[in-house]
């Protein structure tokens, strides 16, 4: 796609002698929600680690906004404009919600940070009521909101979300998916790994299916939603995305 904000080109990744990615290539278009689906051990979370600089591929390139970021340290990648909502939220459980939201530590523009803080609390009003509460005492859904708000405090152009609805009640699943769409409407591109293929494809613009480190299917989300292979494997079968 010509308006790609993020590209992975011919990525080959290994854990020791075990190869995880096989010539993996994908793109995330500017202003889109793009989802990556796949079964357990397909390489989805490893893909996130590659993008965020937590793991370096043996070969291939990660391109963000036209510039290679392959192998850069994670703080430098965050400063380039990529935020992260990690799997299982990764809260600082002993710290308050307010302290967790100070993920803007890579910034020094105090006035702008204050403005972003106010906007984040408007987007997540439930958190305003919990600012002095320790993050570890929040519900799973509330912790997910903290993780999303924390990422937004870095003023990212792209947010990578790893299983954003995992372990949440149906009520919070719906709310998180609404928030993802709102975040996109505010100009932030979203790349998400998601266990629930049906829900992910309903809100996404484009999707990829990863099988044992290779892209097996790719296309507009609505087309994938009605693809017999997707329906059999991920929407009506026993394999969870």
Foldseek 3Di string as FASTA:
>chain_A
DVQFQKWWAQFWADDVPRIQAGRDIDTFGFLFEEEEEEFPSLCPVVVVCQLQLVGATPDTFMAGRRHTPGNPHNLVSLLVFEFEQEPPRPAPQQAFLQVLLVLLVSDDPVVVLVVLVVVLCVLVVVVVVGRRPGLNPDDSLVSLSSSVSSRCSSVGQEYEYEASCPPHDPVSSVVVLVSVLVVSVVRHGYYYYHQQLLSSLVSGQKYFYGGSNYTPDIDGSVVLNPDPVCCDQDVPHDTTD
